[in-house]
Amino acid sequence: MVVRLAESLGLSLRERNDLLLAAGYAPIYAESRLDAPELGPVREALESILAGHMPYPAVVVRPYGELVAANPAFGVLCEGAAPALLEPPINVLRLALHPQGMARRVENLAEWGRHITASLRGQARRSPDAALEEFVAELDGYLPDLDPPAEHLGFAVPLRLRVPEGELRLITTLTSFATALDVTLSELRLEAFLPADETTAAILRRLSA
């Protein structure tokens, strides 16, 4: 009954374990280390996807933006960032919006940044977490005022990033393990950046070469 209630509420596996503990039951969902042997096929699959997405950037993150892995094209995004933001564990969301991170090169920081914070705020509403709310407040503090109208492609909010070769226009996709029954696996997200125009694709191909 507790598990069915958790499923109906759309709780994460971690939250389902917490609910079971609160009801007096032992957790039923394992939480493996990412380097555990049983997750070997997962690591291999992620490495294959990251490599296959070249020459475009892609990252694997834990909740709230903690970097797990990235392909070489990720260097295009973090180029010029302050060394402190690149010390492990790297938080890619803080790196993206911090004035000493990517933010100084993002042409549409106000719009694109609020897309990120709105997503996090939605998570905080679904699963209240004081630490997450504090993190969202920190990220909001990095963003300039949004001047209407917002500029977008019609189907996605692009990241417009200045590089020495010109301007990159990137859109993102998020991938998760939908049938995961392990807490660690369920919390992993693969974020892949895709070129929104041929100019961007050509620049990234040249940089990779």
N, C-alpha and C. Protein backbone atom coordinates (compact mmCIF):
# COMPACT_ATOMS: atom_id res chain seq x y z
N MET A 1 0.83 -1.20 0.00
CA MET A 1 0.00 0.00 0.00
C MET A 1 0.87 1.26 0.00
N VAL A 2 1.95 1.24 0.80
CA VAL A 2 2.83 2.40 0.87
C VAL A 2 3.49 2.64 -0.49
N VAL A 3 3.93 1.56 -1.13
CA VAL A 3 4.58 1.69 -2.43
C VAL A 3 3.60 2.22 -3.47
N ARG A 4 2.37 1.71 -3.45
CA ARG A 4 1.37 2.19 -4.41
C ARG A 4 1.03 3.66 -4.17
N LEU A 5 0.98 4.06 -2.92
CA LEU A 5 0.74 5.46 -2.60
C LEU A 5 1.88 6.33 -3.15
N ALA A 6 3.12 5.87 -2.95
CA ALA A 6 4.29 6.61 -3.44
C ALA A 6 4.26 6.71 -4.96
N GLU A 7 3.87 5.63 -5.64
CA GLU A 7 3.78 5.65 -7.10
C GLU A 7 2.72 6.64 -7.56
N SER A 8 1.58 6.65 -6.86
CA SER A 8 0.49 7.57 -7.23
C SER A 8 0.90 9.02 -7.06
N LEU A 9 1.74 9.28 -6.07
CA LEU A 9 2.21 10.64 -5.80
C LEU A 9 3.35 11.04 -6.72
N GLY A 10 3.85 10.09 -7.51
CA GLY A 10 4.95 10.38 -8.41
C GLY A 10 6.27 10.62 -7.69
N LEU A 11 6.47 10.00 -6.54
CA LEU A 11 7.69 10.21 -5.78
C LEU A 11 8.88 9.54 -6.46
N SER A 12 10.05 10.11 -6.25
CA SER A 12 11.28 9.49 -6.76
C SER A 12 11.57 8.23 -5.94
N LEU A 13 12.48 7.40 -6.43
CA LEU A 13 12.82 6.18 -5.68
C LEU A 13 13.40 6.52 -4.31
N ARG A 14 14.20 7.58 -4.25
CA ARG A 14 14.75 8.00 -2.96
C ARG A 14 13.62 8.38 -2.00
N GLU A 15 12.65 9.12 -2.50
CA GLU A 15 11.52 9.54 -1.65
C GLU A 15 10.65 8.35 -1.27
N ARG A 16 10.55 7.37 -2.16
CA ARG A 16 9.77 6.17 -1.82
C ARG A 16 10.44 5.41 -0.68
N ASN A 17 11.76 5.32 -0.72
CA ASN A 17 12.47 4.67 0.39
C ASN A 17 12.24 5.43 1.69
N ASP A 18 12.26 6.77 1.63
CA ASP A 18 12.02 7.58 2.83
C ASP A 18 10.62 7.34 3.37
N LEU A 19 9.65 7.23 2.47
CA LEU A 19 8.27 7.00 2.90
C LEU A 19 8.13 5.63 3.54
N LEU A 20 8.79 4.64 2.99
CA LEU A 20 8.76 3.30 3.58
C LEU A 20 9.36 3.32 4.99
N LEU A 21 10.48 4.03 5.14
CA LEU A 21 11.09 4.13 6.47
C LEU A 21 10.16 4.82 7.45
N ALA A 22 9.48 5.88 7.00
CA ALA A 22 8.56 6.59 7.87
C ALA A 22 7.39 5.72 8.29
N ALA A 23 7.03 4.76 7.42
CA ALA A 23 5.92 3.85 7.72
C ALA A 23 6.37 2.63 8.52
N GLY A 24 7.67 2.54 8.80
CA GLY A 24 8.17 1.44 9.61
C GLY A 24 8.68 0.27 8.81
N TYR A 25 8.90 0.45 7.52
CA TYR A 25 9.38 -0.63 6.66
C TYR A 25 10.80 -0.34 6.19
N ALA A 26 11.49 -1.40 5.81
CA ALA A 26 12.84 -1.23 5.26
C ALA A 26 12.74 -0.73 3.82
N PRO A 27 13.71 0.06 3.37
CA PRO A 27 13.72 0.50 1.97
C PRO A 27 13.80 -0.71 1.03
N ILE A 28 13.17 -0.61 -0.12
CA ILE A 28 13.19 -1.73 -1.08
C ILE A 28 13.99 -1.41 -2.34
N TYR A 29 14.38 -0.12 -2.50
CA TYR A 29 15.13 0.25 -3.69
C TYR A 29 16.60 0.42 -3.33
N ALA A 30 17.46 -0.33 -3.99
CA ALA A 30 18.89 -0.27 -3.72
C ALA A 30 19.46 1.07 -4.16
N GLU A 31 20.58 1.47 -3.53
CA GLU A 31 21.30 2.66 -3.95
C GLU A 31 22.76 2.27 -4.13
N SER A 32 23.13 1.91 -5.34
CA SER A 32 24.47 1.42 -5.63
C SER A 32 25.44 2.56 -5.88
N ARG A 33 26.71 2.32 -5.65
CA ARG A 33 27.73 3.25 -6.08
C ARG A 33 27.84 3.18 -7.59
N LEU A 34 28.12 4.33 -8.20
CA LEU A 34 28.18 4.35 -9.66
C LEU A 34 29.30 3.47 -10.19
N ASP A 35 30.35 3.26 -9.36
CA ASP A 35 31.46 2.42 -9.80
C ASP A 35 31.27 0.96 -9.40
N ALA A 36 30.07 0.60 -8.90
CA ALA A 36 29.80 -0.78 -8.50
C ALA A 36 29.77 -1.69 -9.73
N PRO A 37 30.20 -2.94 -9.60
CA PRO A 37 30.23 -3.86 -10.73
C PRO A 37 28.87 -4.01 -11.41
N GLU A 38 27.80 -4.01 -10.64
CA GLU A 38 26.48 -4.23 -11.23
C GLU A 38 26.05 -3.09 -12.14
N LEU A 39 26.68 -1.91 -11.98
CA LEU A 39 26.36 -0.79 -12.86
C LEU A 39 27.36 -0.65 -14.00
N GLY A 40 28.20 -1.65 -14.17
CA GLY A 40 29.17 -1.64 -15.27
C GLY A 40 28.52 -1.43 -16.63
N PRO A 41 27.45 -2.15 -16.96
CA PRO A 41 26.81 -1.93 -18.26
C PRO A 41 26.26 -0.52 -18.43
N VAL A 42 25.84 0.10 -17.33
CA VAL A 42 25.34 1.47 -17.39
C VAL A 42 26.47 2.42 -17.73
N ARG A 43 27.61 2.25 -17.06
CA ARG A 43 28.76 3.13 -17.34
C ARG A 43 29.21 2.98 -18.79
N GLU A 44 29.24 1.75 -19.27
CA GLU A 44 29.66 1.53 -20.66
C GLU A 44 28.68 2.18 -21.63
N ALA A 45 27.39 2.08 -21.33
CA ALA A 45 26.38 2.68 -22.21
C ALA A 45 26.52 4.19 -22.23
N LEU A 46 26.73 4.80 -21.06
CA LEU A 46 26.88 6.26 -20.99
C LEU A 46 28.14 6.72 -21.71
N GLU A 47 29.23 6.00 -21.53
CA GLU A 47 30.48 6.35 -22.22
C GLU A 47 30.30 6.28 -23.73
N SER A 48 29.56 5.26 -24.18
CA SER A 48 29.32 5.10 -25.62
C SER A 48 28.48 6.26 -26.16
N ILE A 49 27.47 6.66 -25.40
CA ILE A 49 26.60 7.77 -25.84
C ILE A 49 27.39 9.08 -25.87
N LEU A 50 28.19 9.32 -24.83
CA LEU A 50 28.98 10.54 -24.78
C LEU A 50 29.94 10.62 -25.97
N ALA A 51 30.60 9.50 -26.26
CA ALA A 51 31.54 9.48 -27.38
C ALA A 51 30.80 9.63 -28.70
N GLY A 52 29.65 8.98 -28.81
CA GLY A 52 28.89 9.03 -30.06
C GLY A 52 28.27 10.37 -30.35
N HIS A 53 28.15 11.23 -29.32
CA HIS A 53 27.54 12.54 -29.51
C HIS A 53 28.55 13.57 -30.02
N MET A 54 29.82 13.23 -30.02
CA MET A 54 30.82 14.14 -30.57
C MET A 54 30.48 14.46 -32.03
N PRO A 55 30.72 15.68 -32.49
CA PRO A 55 31.51 16.75 -31.86
C PRO A 55 30.70 17.72 -31.01
N TYR A 56 29.50 17.31 -30.57
CA TYR A 56 28.64 18.19 -29.80
C TYR A 56 28.77 17.86 -28.31
N PRO A 57 28.65 18.86 -27.43
CA PRO A 57 28.83 18.64 -26.00
C PRO A 57 27.73 17.75 -25.41
N ALA A 58 28.10 16.97 -24.43
CA ALA A 58 27.15 16.14 -23.68
C ALA A 58 27.71 15.87 -22.30
N VAL A 59 26.84 15.84 -21.30
CA VAL A 59 27.26 15.60 -19.91
C VAL A 59 26.28 14.64 -19.25
N VAL A 60 26.77 13.95 -18.22
CA VAL A 60 25.93 13.13 -17.34
C VAL A 60 25.99 13.78 -15.96
N VAL A 61 24.82 14.03 -15.38
CA VAL A 61 24.78 14.72 -14.10
C VAL A 61 23.92 13.98 -13.09
N ARG A 62 24.21 14.22 -11.82
CA ARG A 62 23.36 13.80 -10.72
C ARG A 62 22.39 14.94 -10.41
N PRO A 63 21.47 14.73 -9.45
CA PRO A 63 20.51 15.78 -9.12
C PRO A 63 21.18 17.11 -8.80
N TYR A 64 20.53 18.18 -9.25
CA TYR A 64 20.94 19.56 -8.99
C TYR A 64 22.25 19.92 -9.68
N GLY A 65 22.62 19.15 -10.73
CA GLY A 65 23.70 19.57 -11.59
C GLY A 65 25.09 19.07 -11.28
N GLU A 66 25.25 18.10 -10.39
CA GLU A 66 26.60 17.59 -10.10
C GLU A 66 27.10 16.76 -11.27
N LEU A 67 28.26 17.14 -11.83
CA LEU A 67 28.80 16.47 -13.01
C LEU A 67 29.33 15.10 -12.66
N VAL A 68 28.93 14.11 -13.47
CA VAL A 68 29.42 12.74 -13.34
C VAL A 68 30.43 12.43 -14.44
N ALA A 69 30.10 12.81 -15.67
CA ALA A 69 30.96 12.55 -16.81
C ALA A 69 30.63 13.53 -17.92
N ALA A 70 31.58 13.71 -18.85
CA ALA A 70 31.37 14.61 -19.97
C ALA A 70 32.24 14.15 -21.14
N ASN A 71 31.84 14.53 -22.33
CA ASN A 71 32.70 14.23 -23.48
C ASN A 71 33.65 15.40 -23.73
N PRO A 72 34.65 15.24 -24.59
CA PRO A 72 35.65 16.31 -24.79
C PRO A 72 35.06 17.64 -25.25
N ALA A 73 33.93 17.61 -25.97
CA ALA A 73 33.32 18.86 -26.46
C ALA A 73 32.79 19.73 -25.32
N PHE A 74 32.69 19.19 -24.13
CA PHE A 74 32.25 19.97 -22.97
C PHE A 74 33.20 21.13 -22.72
N GLY A 75 34.45 20.97 -23.14
CA GLY A 75 35.43 22.03 -22.96
C GLY A 75 35.04 23.33 -23.64
N VAL A 76 34.26 23.25 -24.71
CA VAL A 76 33.79 24.44 -25.41
C VAL A 76 32.91 25.28 -24.48
N LEU A 77 32.13 24.61 -23.64
CA LEU A 77 31.20 25.31 -22.74
C LEU A 77 31.92 25.96 -21.57
N CYS A 78 32.93 25.29 -21.02
CA CYS A 78 33.55 25.79 -19.79
C CYS A 78 34.83 26.56 -20.05
N GLU A 79 35.15 26.82 -21.32
CA GLU A 79 36.36 27.56 -21.65
C GLU A 79 36.36 28.94 -20.98
N GLY A 80 37.45 29.26 -20.31
CA GLY A 80 37.58 30.57 -19.68
C GLY A 80 36.94 30.68 -18.31
N ALA A 81 36.34 29.62 -17.82
CA ALA A 81 35.69 29.68 -16.49
C ALA A 81 36.74 29.74 -15.39
N ALA A 82 36.37 30.34 -14.28
CA ALA A 82 37.28 30.43 -13.13
C ALA A 82 37.66 29.04 -12.65
N PRO A 83 38.94 28.80 -12.31
CA PRO A 83 39.37 27.48 -11.87
C PRO A 83 38.55 26.91 -10.71
N ALA A 84 38.09 27.79 -9.81
CA ALA A 84 37.33 27.30 -8.65
C ALA A 84 36.03 26.61 -9.07
N LEU A 85 35.44 27.05 -10.19
CA LEU A 85 34.19 26.45 -10.67
C LEU A 85 34.43 25.11 -11.36
N LEU A 86 35.69 24.81 -11.66
CA LEU A 86 36.02 23.57 -12.37
C LEU A 86 36.66 22.54 -11.45
N GLU A 87 36.69 22.84 -10.15
CA GLU A 87 37.21 21.87 -9.19
C GLU A 87 36.13 20.86 -8.83
N PRO A 88 36.45 19.56 -8.83
CA PRO A 88 35.46 18.54 -8.47
C PRO A 88 34.98 18.72 -7.03
N PRO A 89 33.71 18.44 -6.76
CA PRO A 89 32.69 18.09 -7.75
C PRO A 89 32.17 19.34 -8.49
N ILE A 90 32.21 19.30 -9.81
CA ILE A 90 31.74 20.42 -10.62
C ILE A 90 30.22 20.42 -10.64
N ASN A 91 29.64 21.60 -10.41
CA ASN A 91 28.19 21.75 -10.57
C ASN A 91 27.96 22.49 -11.88
N VAL A 92 27.39 21.80 -12.87
CA VAL A 92 27.27 22.40 -14.20
C VAL A 92 26.25 23.54 -14.24
N LEU A 93 25.29 23.55 -13.33
CA LEU A 93 24.31 24.64 -13.31
C LEU A 93 24.94 25.91 -12.75
N ARG A 94 25.72 25.76 -11.70
CA ARG A 94 26.45 26.92 -11.16
C ARG A 94 27.47 27.40 -12.19
N LEU A 95 28.16 26.48 -12.83
CA LEU A 95 29.12 26.84 -13.88
C LEU A 95 28.44 27.60 -15.01
N ALA A 96 27.21 27.21 -15.35
CA ALA A 96 26.50 27.84 -16.46
C ALA A 96 26.09 29.27 -16.15
N LEU A 97 25.68 29.55 -14.91
CA LEU A 97 25.08 30.85 -14.60
C LEU A 97 25.97 31.78 -13.78
N HIS A 98 27.06 31.27 -13.26
CA HIS A 98 27.94 32.10 -12.43
C HIS A 98 28.63 33.14 -13.29
N PRO A 99 28.77 34.39 -12.78
CA PRO A 99 29.43 35.44 -13.56
C PRO A 99 30.86 35.10 -13.99
N GLN A 100 31.52 34.21 -13.24
CA GLN A 100 32.88 33.81 -13.60
C GLN A 100 32.90 32.47 -14.34
N GLY A 101 31.72 32.00 -14.70
CA GLY A 101 31.63 30.76 -15.45
C GLY A 101 31.26 31.04 -16.90
N MET A 102 30.25 30.33 -17.40
CA MET A 102 29.80 30.52 -18.77
C MET A 102 29.05 31.84 -18.96
N ALA A 103 28.47 32.37 -17.90
CA ALA A 103 27.52 33.48 -18.00
C ALA A 103 28.06 34.66 -18.79
N ARG A 104 29.33 34.95 -18.64
CA ARG A 104 29.91 36.12 -19.31
C ARG A 104 29.89 35.96 -20.83
N ARG A 105 29.70 34.72 -21.32
CA ARG A 105 29.69 34.48 -22.77
C ARG A 105 28.31 34.15 -23.31
N VAL A 106 27.30 34.10 -22.44
CA VAL A 106 25.94 33.75 -22.87
C VAL A 106 25.19 35.01 -23.27
N GLU A 107 24.82 35.08 -24.53
CA GLU A 107 24.14 36.27 -25.06
C GLU A 107 22.73 36.46 -24.51
N ASN A 108 22.04 35.36 -24.25
CA ASN A 108 20.66 35.42 -23.77
C ASN A 108 20.55 34.86 -22.35
N LEU A 109 21.46 35.32 -21.48
CA LEU A 109 21.55 34.77 -20.12
C LEU A 109 20.25 34.91 -19.35
N ALA A 110 19.58 36.06 -19.44
CA ALA A 110 18.36 36.29 -18.66
C ALA A 110 17.29 35.26 -19.00
N GLU A 111 17.11 35.02 -20.28
CA GLU A 111 16.06 34.08 -20.72
C GLU A 111 16.48 32.63 -20.48
N TRP A 112 17.67 32.28 -20.96
CA TRP A 112 18.13 30.90 -20.85
C TRP A 112 18.32 30.50 -19.39
N GLY A 113 18.86 31.42 -18.58
CA GLY A 113 19.06 31.11 -17.17
C GLY A 113 17.76 30.87 -16.42
N ARG A 114 16.73 31.64 -16.77
CA ARG A 114 15.44 31.44 -16.10
C ARG A 114 14.78 30.13 -16.52
N HIS A 115 15.11 29.64 -17.69
CA HIS A 115 14.64 28.31 -18.08
C HIS A 115 15.21 27.27 -17.12
N ILE A 116 16.46 27.44 -16.73
CA ILE A 116 17.10 26.51 -15.79
C ILE A 116 16.49 26.63 -14.40
N THR A 117 16.38 27.86 -13.89
CA THR A 117 15.88 28.03 -12.53
C THR A 117 14.40 27.67 -12.42
N ALA A 118 13.63 27.88 -13.49
CA ALA A 118 12.22 27.50 -13.45
C ALA A 118 12.07 25.99 -13.33
N SER A 119 12.94 25.25 -14.02
CA SER A 119 12.91 23.79 -13.93
C SER A 119 13.24 23.33 -12.51
N LEU A 120 14.27 23.94 -11.90
CA LEU A 120 14.64 23.59 -10.54
C LEU A 120 13.54 23.96 -9.55
N ARG A 121 12.90 25.11 -9.79
CA ARG A 121 11.83 25.54 -8.89
C ARG A 121 10.66 24.57 -8.96
N GLY A 122 10.41 24.01 -10.14
CA GLY A 122 9.37 23.00 -10.28
C GLY A 122 9.69 21.76 -9.47
N GLN A 123 10.98 21.36 -9.48
CA GLN A 123 11.39 20.22 -8.66
C GLN A 123 11.17 20.51 -7.18
N ALA A 124 11.49 21.74 -6.77
CA ALA A 124 11.33 22.10 -5.37
C ALA A 124 9.87 22.08 -4.94
N ARG A 125 8.96 22.44 -5.86
CA ARG A 125 7.53 22.38 -5.53
C ARG A 125 7.06 20.94 -5.38
N ARG A 126 7.56 20.07 -6.27
CA ARG A 126 7.15 18.66 -6.20
C ARG A 126 7.77 17.95 -5.01
N SER A 127 9.02 18.30 -4.71
CA SER A 127 9.74 17.64 -3.62
C SER A 127 10.45 18.70 -2.79
N PRO A 128 9.74 19.30 -1.83
CA PRO A 128 10.33 20.39 -1.03
C PRO A 128 11.67 20.00 -0.42
N ASP A 129 12.65 20.88 -0.60
CA ASP A 129 14.01 20.62 -0.13
C ASP A 129 14.65 21.97 0.14
N ALA A 130 14.99 22.22 1.40
CA ALA A 130 15.55 23.52 1.78
C ALA A 130 16.86 23.80 1.04
N ALA A 131 17.68 22.77 0.87
CA ALA A 131 18.96 22.95 0.18
C ALA A 131 18.74 23.33 -1.27
N LEU A 132 17.75 22.71 -1.92
CA LEU A 132 17.45 23.04 -3.31
C LEU A 132 16.93 24.47 -3.43
N GLU A 133 16.05 24.86 -2.52
CA GLU A 133 15.52 26.23 -2.56
C GLU A 133 16.64 27.26 -2.37
N GLU A 134 17.59 26.96 -1.51
CA GLU A 134 18.73 27.85 -1.32
C GLU A 134 19.58 27.92 -2.58
N PHE A 135 19.74 26.78 -3.26
CA PHE A 135 20.52 26.74 -4.49
C PHE A 135 19.84 27.54 -5.60
N VAL A 136 18.52 27.41 -5.70
CA VAL A 136 17.77 28.17 -6.71
C VAL A 136 17.91 29.67 -6.45
N ALA A 137 17.85 30.07 -5.18
CA ALA A 137 18.00 31.48 -4.83
C ALA A 137 19.39 31.98 -5.23
N GLU A 138 20.40 31.15 -5.02
CA GLU A 138 21.75 31.52 -5.44
C GLU A 138 21.82 31.75 -6.95
N LEU A 139 21.27 30.80 -7.72
CA LEU A 139 21.31 30.92 -9.18
C LEU A 139 20.50 32.13 -9.66
N ASP A 140 19.35 32.37 -9.05
CA ASP A 140 18.54 33.54 -9.42
C ASP A 140 19.32 34.83 -9.23
N GLY A 141 20.18 34.86 -8.21
CA GLY A 141 20.96 36.05 -7.93
C GLY A 141 21.99 36.37 -9.00
N TYR A 142 22.32 35.39 -9.84
CA TYR A 142 23.28 35.62 -10.91
C TYR A 142 22.64 36.17 -12.18
N LEU A 143 21.30 36.15 -12.25
CA LEU A 143 20.63 36.47 -13.51
C LEU A 143 20.25 37.94 -13.60
N PRO A 144 20.44 38.54 -14.77
CA PRO A 144 19.99 39.92 -14.97
C PRO A 144 18.49 39.96 -15.19
N ASP A 145 17.93 41.16 -15.19
CA ASP A 145 16.50 41.31 -15.45
C ASP A 145 16.18 40.84 -16.86
N LEU A 146 14.98 40.29 -17.04
CA LEU A 146 14.54 39.80 -18.34
C LEU A 146 13.78 40.90 -19.06
N ASP A 147 14.29 41.31 -20.20
CA ASP A 147 13.63 42.33 -21.01
C ASP A 147 12.74 41.67 -22.05
N PRO A 148 11.42 41.91 -22.01
CA PRO A 148 10.54 41.33 -23.02
C PRO A 148 10.76 42.03 -24.36
N PRO A 149 10.46 41.34 -25.49
CA PRO A 149 9.99 39.96 -25.54
C PRO A 149 11.14 38.97 -25.53
N ALA A 150 10.90 37.76 -25.02
CA ALA A 150 11.94 36.74 -25.02
C ALA A 150 12.15 36.22 -26.44
N GLU A 151 13.40 35.98 -26.77
CA GLU A 151 13.73 35.50 -28.11
C GLU A 151 13.92 34.00 -28.06
N HIS A 152 13.30 33.28 -28.99
CA HIS A 152 13.46 31.83 -29.01
C HIS A 152 13.21 31.32 -30.41
N LEU A 153 13.41 30.02 -30.60
CA LEU A 153 13.29 29.42 -31.93
C LEU A 153 11.86 29.05 -32.27
N GLY A 154 10.97 29.10 -31.32
CA GLY A 154 9.60 28.67 -31.57
C GLY A 154 9.32 27.31 -30.96
N PHE A 155 10.37 26.47 -30.82
CA PHE A 155 10.16 25.14 -30.24
C PHE A 155 11.11 24.88 -29.07
N ALA A 156 12.06 25.76 -28.82
CA ALA A 156 13.00 25.54 -27.72
C ALA A 156 13.71 26.85 -27.40
N VAL A 157 14.19 26.95 -26.15
CA VAL A 157 15.01 28.10 -25.75
C VAL A 157 16.47 27.74 -26.04
N PRO A 158 17.12 28.43 -26.97
CA PRO A 158 18.50 28.07 -27.30
C PRO A 158 19.48 28.68 -26.32
N LEU A 159 20.64 28.06 -26.20
CA LEU A 159 21.78 28.66 -25.53
C LEU A 159 22.58 29.37 -26.62
N ARG A 160 22.74 30.67 -26.48
CA ARG A 160 23.52 31.46 -27.44
C ARG A 160 24.85 31.80 -26.78
N LEU A 161 25.88 31.09 -27.19
CA LEU A 161 27.17 31.16 -26.50
C LEU A 161 28.24 31.73 -27.43
N ARG A 162 28.92 32.78 -26.96
CA ARG A 162 30.01 33.35 -27.75
C ARG A 162 31.26 32.49 -27.63
N VAL A 163 31.88 32.23 -28.76
CA VAL A 163 33.18 31.57 -28.81
C VAL A 163 34.04 32.38 -29.78
N PRO A 164 35.37 32.22 -29.75
CA PRO A 164 36.21 33.00 -30.66
C PRO A 164 35.83 32.85 -32.13
N GLU A 165 35.25 31.70 -32.49
CA GLU A 165 34.89 31.44 -33.89
C GLU A 165 33.54 32.03 -34.29
N GLY A 166 32.79 32.56 -33.32
CA GLY A 166 31.47 33.12 -33.63
C GLY A 166 30.50 32.86 -32.50
N GLU A 167 29.23 32.67 -32.85
CA GLU A 167 28.19 32.40 -31.84
C GLU A 167 27.62 31.01 -32.05
N LEU A 168 27.59 30.23 -30.97
CA LEU A 168 26.96 28.92 -30.99
C LEU A 168 25.51 29.08 -30.55
N ARG A 169 24.61 28.40 -31.26
CA ARG A 169 23.20 28.33 -30.86
C ARG A 169 22.88 26.86 -30.63
N LEU A 170 22.65 26.53 -29.35
CA LEU A 170 22.49 25.14 -28.96
C LEU A 170 21.16 24.91 -28.27
N ILE A 171 20.54 23.78 -28.57
CA ILE A 171 19.36 23.32 -27.83
C ILE A 171 19.74 22.02 -27.12
N THR A 172 18.99 21.66 -26.11
CA THR A 172 19.36 20.51 -25.30
C THR A 172 18.27 19.47 -25.24
N THR A 173 18.70 18.22 -25.03
CA THR A 173 17.78 17.12 -24.76
C THR A 173 18.19 16.47 -23.44
N LEU A 174 17.23 15.98 -22.70
CA LEU A 174 17.49 15.29 -21.44
C LEU A 174 17.04 13.84 -21.55
N THR A 175 17.92 12.93 -21.13
CA THR A 175 17.63 11.50 -21.19
C THR A 175 17.80 10.89 -19.80
N SER A 176 16.88 10.01 -19.42
CA SER A 176 16.98 9.33 -18.13
C SER A 176 16.68 7.86 -18.32
N PHE A 177 16.99 7.07 -17.28
CA PHE A 177 16.69 5.64 -17.29
C PHE A 177 15.28 5.46 -16.74
N ALA A 178 14.31 5.38 -17.63
CA ALA A 178 12.90 5.42 -17.23
C ALA A 178 12.48 4.23 -16.39
N THR A 179 13.10 3.07 -16.57
CA THR A 179 12.67 1.87 -15.85
C THR A 179 13.61 1.52 -14.69
N ALA A 180 14.41 2.48 -14.26
CA ALA A 180 15.39 2.21 -13.21
C ALA A 180 14.72 1.82 -11.90
N LEU A 181 15.31 0.84 -11.22
CA LEU A 181 14.87 0.44 -9.89
C LEU A 181 15.99 0.61 -8.87
N ASP A 182 17.05 1.27 -9.27
CA ASP A 182 18.16 1.60 -8.38
C ASP A 182 18.16 3.12 -8.22
N VAL A 183 18.30 3.60 -6.99
CA VAL A 183 18.22 5.04 -6.72
C VAL A 183 19.26 5.81 -7.52
N THR A 184 20.50 5.32 -7.50
CA THR A 184 21.58 6.00 -8.21
C THR A 184 21.27 6.13 -9.69
N LEU A 185 20.85 5.03 -10.29
CA LEU A 185 20.56 5.01 -11.72
C LEU A 185 19.38 5.92 -12.05
N SER A 186 18.37 5.93 -11.20
CA SER A 186 17.17 6.72 -11.46
C SER A 186 17.46 8.22 -11.43
N GLU A 187 18.53 8.63 -10.72
CA GLU A 187 18.82 10.05 -10.56
C GLU A 187 19.78 10.59 -11.62
N LEU A 188 20.32 9.72 -12.46
CA LEU A 188 21.24 10.18 -13.50
C LEU A 188 20.48 10.81 -14.65
N ARG A 189 21.04 11.88 -15.20
CA ARG A 189 20.46 12.54 -16.38
C ARG A 189 21.58 12.80 -17.38
N LEU A 190 21.30 12.46 -18.63
CA LEU A 190 22.22 12.77 -19.72
C LEU A 190 21.69 14.00 -20.44
N GLU A 191 22.47 15.08 -20.46
CA GLU A 191 22.09 16.28 -21.17
C GLU A 191 22.97 16.42 -22.39
N ALA A 192 22.34 16.37 -23.56
CA ALA A 192 23.06 16.45 -24.82
C ALA A 192 22.72 17.74 -25.53
N PHE A 193 23.74 18.46 -25.96
CA PHE A 193 23.55 19.72 -26.67
C PHE A 193 23.58 19.46 -28.17
N LEU A 194 22.63 20.07 -28.88
CA LEU A 194 22.51 19.89 -30.32
C LEU A 194 22.58 21.24 -31.02
N PRO A 195 23.20 21.31 -32.21
CA PRO A 195 23.27 22.58 -32.93
C PRO A 195 21.89 23.00 -33.42
N ALA A 196 21.57 24.28 -33.23
CA ALA A 196 20.29 24.79 -33.70
C ALA A 196 20.38 25.35 -35.11
N ASP A 197 21.59 25.39 -35.66
CA ASP A 197 21.75 25.84 -37.05
C ASP A 197 23.05 25.25 -37.60
N GLU A 198 23.22 25.36 -38.91
CA GLU A 198 24.38 24.77 -39.56
C GLU A 198 25.67 25.48 -39.19
N THR A 199 25.59 26.79 -38.93
CA THR A 199 26.78 27.53 -38.51
C THR A 199 27.36 26.94 -37.23
N THR A 200 26.49 26.67 -36.27
CA THR A 200 26.92 26.07 -35.01
C THR A 200 27.54 24.70 -35.24
N ALA A 201 26.87 23.88 -36.04
CA ALA A 201 27.38 22.54 -36.33
C ALA A 201 28.76 22.61 -36.97
N ALA A 202 28.95 23.55 -37.90
CA ALA A 202 30.23 23.66 -38.59
C ALA A 202 31.34 24.08 -37.63
N ILE A 203 31.03 25.04 -36.73
CA ILE A 203 32.04 25.48 -35.76
C ILE A 203 32.46 24.33 -34.85
N LEU A 204 31.50 23.58 -34.36
CA LEU A 204 31.80 22.47 -33.45
C LEU A 204 32.58 21.36 -34.17
N ARG A 205 32.27 21.14 -35.42
CA ARG A 205 33.04 20.13 -36.18
C ARG A 205 34.48 20.58 -36.34
N ARG A 206 34.68 21.87 -36.63
CA ARG A 206 36.05 22.37 -36.79
C ARG A 206 36.82 22.30 -35.48
N LEU A 207 36.17 22.67 -34.39
CA LEU A 207 36.83 22.63 -33.09
C LEU A 207 37.21 21.20 -32.72
N SER A 208 36.34 20.26 -33.01
CA SER A 208 36.63 18.86 -32.71
C SER A 208 37.79 18.34 -33.53
N ALA A 209 37.81 18.75 -34.80
CA ALA A 209 38.89 18.29 -35.69
C ALA A 209 40.23 18.87 -35.26
